[in-house]
């Protein structure tokens, strides 16, 4: 049975899923927005483990324990900084979603929550980012039996509305 894809407005740090995805910066040492909130909620163990990872380039992903989060795992990925759309941003963003799903499948993770990667401080336009997210996720899950649920967790109703419309338009 294919994975269920849903969108919702929530605080990703409180989601009761196997893994949450962190829209991290390349140091993996915390920052603003989702990244800072996840680090704060998870506690100092997350920062200590991230220090040992040595960073992460854009388009790739790394996994750590969830520490004080409801989620057992945090998958950290670094999205692209928006530079107008002609600098490979869509390919890098799609790679973020694919790599997170690959890691989840390798670890036997059945439920996963994504934030809207790169749409905050990195400036990726919301509608375009959501389309890339849904397309890359759908493609990655097309031959998977491992993952049951993917949540697109949005900070506000406007972003959730974008995801909801795109999800409803899927065949």
C-alpha atoms as a PDB file:
ATOM      1  CA  UNK A   1       0.000   0.000   0.000  1.00  0.00           C
ATOM      2  CA  UNK A   2       1.422   3.413  -0.933  1.00  0.00           C
ATOM      3  CA  UNK A   3       2.410   5.865   1.780  1.00  0.00           C
ATOM      4  CA  UNK A   4      -0.195   8.357   2.922  1.00  0.00           C
ATOM      5  CA  UNK A   5       0.889  11.957   2.258  1.00  0.00           C
ATOM      6  CA  UNK A   6      -0.756  14.710   4.313  1.00  0.00           C
ATOM      7  CA  UNK A   7      -0.213  18.374   5.078  1.00  0.00           C
ATOM      8  CA  UNK A   8      -0.953  20.077   8.368  1.00  0.00           C
ATOM      9  CA  UNK A   9      -0.203  23.168  10.417  1.00  0.00           C
ATOM     10  CA  UNK A  10       1.797  22.161  13.486  1.00  0.00           C
ATOM     11  CA  UNK A  11       5.029  22.501  15.404  1.00  0.00           C
ATOM     12  CA  UNK A  12       7.279  19.854  13.855  1.00  0.00           C
ATOM     13  CA  UNK A  13       9.102  19.374  17.160  1.00  0.00           C
ATOM     14  CA  UNK A  14       5.939  17.913  18.689  1.00  0.00           C
ATOM     15  CA  UNK A  15       5.063  15.442  15.930  1.00  0.00           C
ATOM     16  CA  UNK A  16       4.591  11.856  17.024  1.00  0.00           C
ATOM     17  CA  UNK A  17       6.349  10.181  14.069  1.00  0.00           C
ATOM     18  CA  UNK A  18       9.410   7.945  13.800  1.00  0.00           C
ATOM     19  CA  UNK A  19      11.569  10.746  12.350  1.00  0.00           C
ATOM     20  CA  UNK A  20      11.358  14.458  11.754  1.00  0.00           C
ATOM     21  CA  UNK A  21      13.391  16.227   9.113  1.00  0.00           C
ATOM     22  CA  UNK A  22      15.467  19.234  10.059  1.00  0.00           C
ATOM     23  CA  UNK A  23      15.918  21.992   7.479  1.00  0.00           C
ATOM     24  CA  UNK A  24      19.491  22.518   8.636  1.00  0.00           C
ATOM     25  CA  UNK A  25      22.392  24.689   7.604  1.00  0.00           C
ATOM     26  CA  UNK A  26      25.590  23.051   6.377  1.00  0.00           C
ATOM     27  CA  UNK A  27      27.268  23.082   9.814  1.00  0.00           C
ATOM     28  CA  UNK A  28      24.376  21.082  11.380  1.00  0.00           C
ATOM     29  CA  UNK A  29      25.046  23.044  14.570  1.00  0.00           C
ATOM     30  CA  UNK A  30      21.711  24.803  14.872  1.00  0.00           C
ATOM     31  CA  UNK A  31      20.448  28.096  13.574  1.00  0.00           C
ATOM     32  CA  UNK A  32      17.164  29.915  13.209  1.00  0.00           C
ATOM     33  CA  UNK A  33      13.686  28.781  12.266  1.00  0.00           C
ATOM     34  CA  UNK A  34      12.976  25.052  12.193  1.00  0.00           C
ATOM     35  CA  UNK A  35      16.644  24.229  12.782  1.00  0.00           C
ATOM     36  CA  UNK A  36      16.851  26.257  15.992  1.00  0.00           C
ATOM     37  CA  UNK A  37      13.501  24.957  17.241  1.00  0.00           C
ATOM     38  CA  UNK A  38      14.544  21.330  16.718  1.00  0.00           C
ATOM     39  CA  UNK A  39      17.882  21.833  18.452  1.00  0.00           C
ATOM     40  CA  UNK A  40      16.202  23.582  21.378  1.00  0.00           C
ATOM     41  CA  UNK A  41      13.507  20.932  21.777  1.00  0.00           C
ATOM     42  CA  UNK A  42      15.901  17.988  21.396  1.00  0.00           C
ATOM     43  CA  UNK A  43      18.390  19.308  23.945  1.00  0.00           C
ATOM     44  CA  UNK A  44      22.195  19.393  24.099  1.00  0.00           C
ATOM     45  CA  UNK A  45      22.665  15.768  23.058  1.00  0.00           C
ATOM     46  CA  UNK A  46      21.594  16.643  19.519  1.00  0.00           C
ATOM     47  CA  UNK A  47      24.212  19.372  19.198  1.00  0.00           C
ATOM     48  CA  UNK A  48      26.910  17.060  20.550  1.00  0.00           C
ATOM     49  CA  UNK A  49      26.028  14.339  18.035  1.00  0.00           C
ATOM     50  CA  UNK A  50      25.848  16.865  15.175  1.00  0.00           C
ATOM     51  CA  UNK A  51      29.342  18.114  16.004  1.00  0.00           C
ATOM     52  CA  UNK A  52      30.646  14.604  15.317  1.00  0.00           C
ATOM     53  CA  UNK A  53      29.038  14.512  11.855  1.00  0.00           C
ATOM     54  CA  UNK A  54      31.281  17.220  10.398  1.00  0.00           C
ATOM     55  CA  UNK A  55      28.564  19.083   8.545  1.00  0.00           C
ATOM     56  CA  UNK A  56      26.485  18.300   5.480  1.00  0.00           C
ATOM     57  CA  UNK A  57      26.550  19.780   1.972  1.00  0.00           C
ATOM     58  CA  UNK A  58      23.383  21.044   0.270  1.00  0.00           C
ATOM     59  CA  UNK A  59      21.236  18.269  -1.192  1.00  0.00           C
ATOM     60  CA  UNK A  60      22.506  15.621   1.212  1.00  0.00           C
ATOM     61  CA  UNK A  61      21.169  14.311   4.522  1.00  0.00           C
ATOM     62  CA  UNK A  62      22.469  12.906   7.825  1.00  0.00           C
ATOM     63  CA  UNK A  63      20.657  11.139  10.677  1.00  0.00           C
ATOM     64  CA  UNK A  64      20.907  11.508  14.455  1.00  0.00           C
ATOM     65  CA  UNK A  65      18.929  10.392  17.464  1.00  0.00           C
ATOM     66  CA  UNK A  66      15.915  12.479  18.453  1.00  0.00           C
ATOM     67  CA  UNK A  67      16.889  12.888  22.122  1.00  0.00           C
ATOM     68  CA  UNK A  68      14.061  14.734  23.929  1.00  0.00           C
ATOM     69  CA  UNK A  69      11.776  14.841  20.869  1.00  0.00           C
ATOM     70  CA  UNK A  70       8.783  12.527  20.392  1.00  0.00           C
ATOM     71  CA  UNK A  71      10.520  11.324  17.221  1.00  0.00           C
ATOM     72  CA  UNK A  72      13.242   8.741  17.724  1.00  0.00           C
ATOM     73  CA  UNK A  73      15.266  10.190  14.839  1.00  0.00           C
ATOM     74  CA  UNK A  74      16.143  13.521  13.254  1.00  0.00           C
ATOM     75  CA  UNK A  75      17.157  13.491   9.605  1.00  0.00           C
ATOM     76  CA  UNK A  76      19.089  16.678   8.842  1.00  0.00           C
ATOM     77  CA  UNK A  77      19.152  17.990   5.291  1.00  0.00           C
ATOM     78  CA  UNK A  78      20.534  21.179   3.800  1.00  0.00           C
ATOM     79  CA  UNK A  79      18.402  22.822   1.168  1.00  0.00           C
ATOM     80  CA  UNK A  80      19.540  25.259  -1.482  1.00  0.00           C
ATOM     81  CA  UNK A  81      19.625  29.016  -1.091  1.00  0.00           C
ATOM     82  CA  UNK A  82      17.280  30.506  -3.701  1.00  0.00           C
ATOM     83  CA  UNK A  83      19.284  32.348  -6.359  1.00  0.00           C
ATOM     84  CA  UNK A  84      16.506  32.885  -8.900  1.00  0.00           C
ATOM     85  CA  UNK A  85      15.951  29.308 -10.013  1.00  0.00           C
ATOM     86  CA  UNK A  86      18.741  28.878 -12.545  1.00  0.00           C
ATOM     87  CA  UNK A  87      21.457  27.665 -10.160  1.00  0.00           C
ATOM     88  CA  UNK A  88      20.226  24.068  -9.811  1.00  0.00           C
ATOM     89  CA  UNK A  89      18.016  24.846  -6.834  1.00  0.00           C
ATOM     90  CA  UNK A  90      15.214  22.446  -7.829  1.00  0.00           C
ATOM     91  CA  UNK A  91      17.626  19.540  -8.287  1.00  0.00           C
ATOM     92  CA  UNK A  92      19.291  20.211  -4.937  1.00  0.00           C
ATOM     93  CA  UNK A  93      15.938  20.525  -3.167  1.00  0.00           C
ATOM     94  CA  UNK A  94      14.619  17.315  -4.743  1.00  0.00           C
ATOM     95  CA  UNK A  95      17.805  15.558  -3.627  1.00  0.00           C
ATOM     96  CA  UNK A  96      17.087  16.632  -0.029  1.00  0.00           C
ATOM     97  CA  UNK A  97      13.747  14.830  -0.061  1.00  0.00           C
ATOM     98  CA  UNK A  98      15.119  11.758  -1.867  1.00  0.00           C
ATOM     99  CA  UNK A  99      18.061  11.398   0.501  1.00  0.00           C
ATOM    100  CA  UNK A 100      15.840  11.752   3.577  1.00  0.00           C
ATOM    101  CA  UNK A 101      13.530   9.031   2.269  1.00  0.00           C
ATOM    102  CA  UNK A 102      16.507   6.792   1.429  1.00  0.00           C
ATOM    103  CA  UNK A 103      17.847   7.151   4.975  1.00  0.00           C
ATOM    104  CA  UNK A 104      14.387   6.519   6.428  1.00  0.00           C
ATOM    105  CA  UNK A 105      14.023   3.328   4.415  1.00  0.00           C
ATOM    106  CA  UNK A 106      17.508   2.121   5.426  1.00  0.00           C
ATOM    107  CA  UNK A 107      16.603   2.609   9.105  1.00  0.00           C
ATOM    108  CA  UNK A 108      13.150   1.041   8.911  1.00  0.00           C
ATOM    109  CA  UNK A 109      11.450   4.362   9.650  1.00  0.00           C
ATOM    110  CA  UNK A 110       7.741   4.091   8.859  1.00  0.00           C
ATOM    111  CA  UNK A 111       6.554   7.675   9.476  1.00  0.00           C
ATOM    112  CA  UNK A 112       8.318  10.896   8.590  1.00  0.00           C
ATOM    113  CA  UNK A 113       7.572  14.618   8.980  1.00  0.00           C
ATOM    114  CA  UNK A 114       9.089  17.209   6.633  1.00  0.00           C
ATOM    115  CA  UNK A 115       9.169  20.978   7.103  1.00  0.00           C
ATOM    116  CA  UNK A 116       9.026  23.247   4.043  1.00  0.00           C
ATOM    117  CA  UNK A 117      12.755  22.973   3.301  1.00  0.00           C
ATOM    118  CA  UNK A 118      14.491  26.153   2.045  1.00  0.00           C
ATOM    119  CA  UNK A 119      11.358  28.335   2.182  1.00  0.00           C
ATOM    120  CA  UNK A 120      12.388  30.344   5.256  1.00  0.00           C
ATOM    121  CA  UNK A 121      15.702  32.187   5.438  1.00  0.00           C
ATOM    122  CA  UNK A 122      16.899  30.481   2.226  1.00  0.00           C
ATOM    123  CA  UNK A 123      14.134  32.259   0.284  1.00  0.00           C
ATOM    124  CA  UNK A 124      12.835  29.469  -1.950  1.00  0.00           C
ATOM    125  CA  UNK A 125       9.379  30.481  -3.264  1.00  0.00           C
ATOM    126  CA  UNK A 126       6.739  28.511  -1.366  1.00  0.00           C
ATOM    127  CA  UNK A 127       4.679  27.166  -4.273  1.00  0.00           C
ATOM    128  CA  UNK A 128       7.717  26.034  -6.240  1.00  0.00           C
ATOM    129  CA  UNK A 129       9.304  24.424  -3.172  1.00  0.00           C
ATOM    130  CA  UNK A 130       6.106  22.576  -2.290  1.00  0.00           C
ATOM    131  CA  UNK A 131       5.802  21.222  -5.837  1.00  0.00           C
ATOM    132  CA  UNK A 132       9.402  19.952  -5.752  1.00  0.00           C
ATOM    133  CA  UNK A 133       8.796  18.435  -2.306  1.00  0.00           C
ATOM    134  CA  UNK A 134       5.669  16.553  -3.352  1.00  0.00           C
ATOM    135  CA  UNK A 135       7.104  15.408  -6.699  1.00  0.00           C
ATOM    136  CA  UNK A 136      10.393  14.174  -5.209  1.00  0.00           C
ATOM    137  CA  UNK A 137       8.615  12.471  -2.307  1.00  0.00           C
ATOM    138  CA  UNK A 138       6.055  10.784  -4.554  1.00  0.00           C
ATOM    139  CA  UNK A 139       8.771   9.593  -6.944  1.00  0.00           C
ATOM    140  CA  UNK A 140      10.936   8.276  -4.110  1.00  0.00           C
ATOM    141  CA  UNK A 141       8.050   6.409  -2.524  1.00  0.00           C
ATOM    142  CA  UNK A 142       6.716   4.921  -5.757  1.00  0.00           C
ATOM    143  CA  UNK A 143       8.409   1.570  -5.208  1.00  0.00           C
ATOM    144  CA  UNK A 144       8.664   1.654  -1.410  1.00  0.00           C
ATOM    145  CA  UNK A 145       6.789  -0.497   1.038  1.00  0.00           C
ATOM    146  CA  UNK A 146       8.726   0.776   4.041  1.00  0.00           C
ATOM    147  CA  UNK A 147       7.176   4.180   4.717  1.00  0.00           C
ATOM    148  CA  UNK A 148       3.491   4.391   5.692  1.00  0.00           C
ATOM    149  CA  UNK A 149       3.082   8.112   6.395  1.00  0.00           C
ATOM    150  CA  UNK A 150       4.719  11.336   5.231  1.00  0.00           C
ATOM    151  CA  UNK A 151       3.616  14.574   6.861  1.00  0.00           C
ATOM    152  CA  UNK A 152       4.354  17.964   5.324  1.00  0.00           C
ATOM    153  CA  UNK A 153       4.331  20.037   8.500  1.00  0.00           C
ATOM    154  CA  UNK A 154       3.716  23.713   7.847  1.00  0.00           C
ATOM    155  CA  UNK A 155       4.293  26.639  10.167  1.00  0.00           C
ATOM    156  CA  UNK A 156       1.269  28.590   8.951  1.00  0.00           C
ATOM    157  CA  UNK A 157      -2.072  28.070   7.175  1.00  0.00           C
ATOM    158  CA  UNK A 158      -0.899  29.787   3.972  1.00  0.00           C
ATOM    159  CA  UNK A 159       1.883  27.256   3.429  1.00  0.00           C
ATOM    160  CA  UNK A 160      -0.375  24.375   4.420  1.00  0.00           C
ATOM    161  CA  UNK A 161      -2.929  25.566   1.864  1.00  0.00           C
ATOM    162  CA  UNK A 162      -0.294  25.357  -0.872  1.00  0.00           C
ATOM    163  CA  UNK A 163       0.590  21.785   0.104  1.00  0.00           C
ATOM    164  CA  UNK A 164      -3.072  20.786   0.486  1.00  0.00           C
ATOM    165  CA  UNK A 165      -3.952  22.057  -3.012  1.00  0.00           C
ATOM    166  CA  UNK A 166      -0.970  20.286  -4.586  1.00  0.00           C
ATOM    167  CA  UNK A 167      -1.656  17.040  -2.746  1.00  0.00           C
ATOM    168  CA  UNK A 168      -5.329  17.140  -3.755  1.00  0.00           C
ATOM    169  CA  UNK A 169      -4.318  17.581  -7.419  1.00  0.00           C
ATOM    170  CA  UNK A 170      -2.185  14.397  -7.441  1.00  0.00           C
ATOM    171  CA  UNK A 171      -3.535  11.568  -9.588  1.00  0.00           C
END
